[in-house]
Amino acid sequence: MTIDDYRNYCLSLGDDVEERMPLKVFRYGSEVLVFYVCGHMLFFIKTTNR
């Protein structure tokens, strides 16, 4: 699966799902996409291969 496949799947779970990149303050945090359900972190994915 690709990152887009994971993203589309997570966003298809319902209207309460949102995506954010809240870890940008950390060294490699800008590479981490986080999905939230009802305000709670559910799923993390690294967006680059470093």
Protein backbone atom coordinates (compact mmCIF):
# COMPACT_ATOMS: atom_id res chain seq x y z
CA MET A 1 0.00 0.00 0.00
CA THR A 2 1.08 3.56 -0.61
CA ILE A 3 0.78 6.53 1.72
CA ASP A 4 -2.15 7.75 -0.36
CA ASP A 5 -3.91 4.39 0.15
CA TYR A 6 -3.49 4.65 3.93
CA ARG A 7 -4.60 8.29 3.89
CA ASN A 8 -7.70 7.56 1.84
CA TYR A 9 -8.59 4.61 4.06
CA CYS A 10 -8.25 6.60 7.28
CA LEU A 11 -10.26 9.53 5.94
CA SER A 12 -12.99 7.14 4.74
CA LEU A 13 -13.65 5.97 8.31
CA GLY A 14 -16.01 8.84 9.02
CA ASP A 15 -16.52 12.55 9.50
CA ASP A 16 -14.79 12.49 12.89
CA VAL A 17 -11.41 11.65 11.29
CA GLU A 18 -8.97 14.45 10.60
CA GLU A 19 -5.33 14.59 9.58
CA ARG A 20 -2.66 16.83 11.05
CA MET A 21 1.10 17.14 11.20
CA PRO A 22 1.50 18.19 14.86
CA LEU A 23 5.07 16.98 15.33
CA LYS A 24 6.82 19.61 13.20
CA VAL A 25 8.63 21.01 16.25
CA PHE A 26 10.73 17.82 16.41
CA ARG A 27 13.69 17.04 14.16
CA TYR A 28 11.90 14.62 11.82
CA GLY A 29 8.39 15.47 12.94
CA SER A 30 7.52 17.24 9.70
CA GLU A 31 7.64 13.80 8.05
CA VAL A 32 4.94 12.32 10.31
CA LEU A 33 1.27 12.47 9.37
CA VAL A 34 -1.13 11.82 12.25
CA PHE A 35 -4.80 10.87 11.98
CA TYR A 36 -7.19 11.74 14.78
CA VAL A 37 -10.60 10.28 15.60
CA CYS A 38 -12.77 12.44 17.86
CA GLY A 39 -9.64 14.39 18.85
CA HIS A 40 -7.59 11.31 19.82
CA MET A 41 -4.50 10.18 17.93
CA LEU A 42 -5.23 6.98 16.03
CA PHE A 43 -2.62 6.42 13.37
CA PHE A 44 0.88 7.72 12.59
CA ILE A 45 2.65 7.35 9.25
CA LYS A 46 6.04 8.58 8.11
CA THR A 47 5.65 10.35 4.77
CA THR A 48 9.23 9.99 3.49
CA ASN A 49 11.81 7.22 3.28
CA ARG A 50 14.76 8.57 5.18
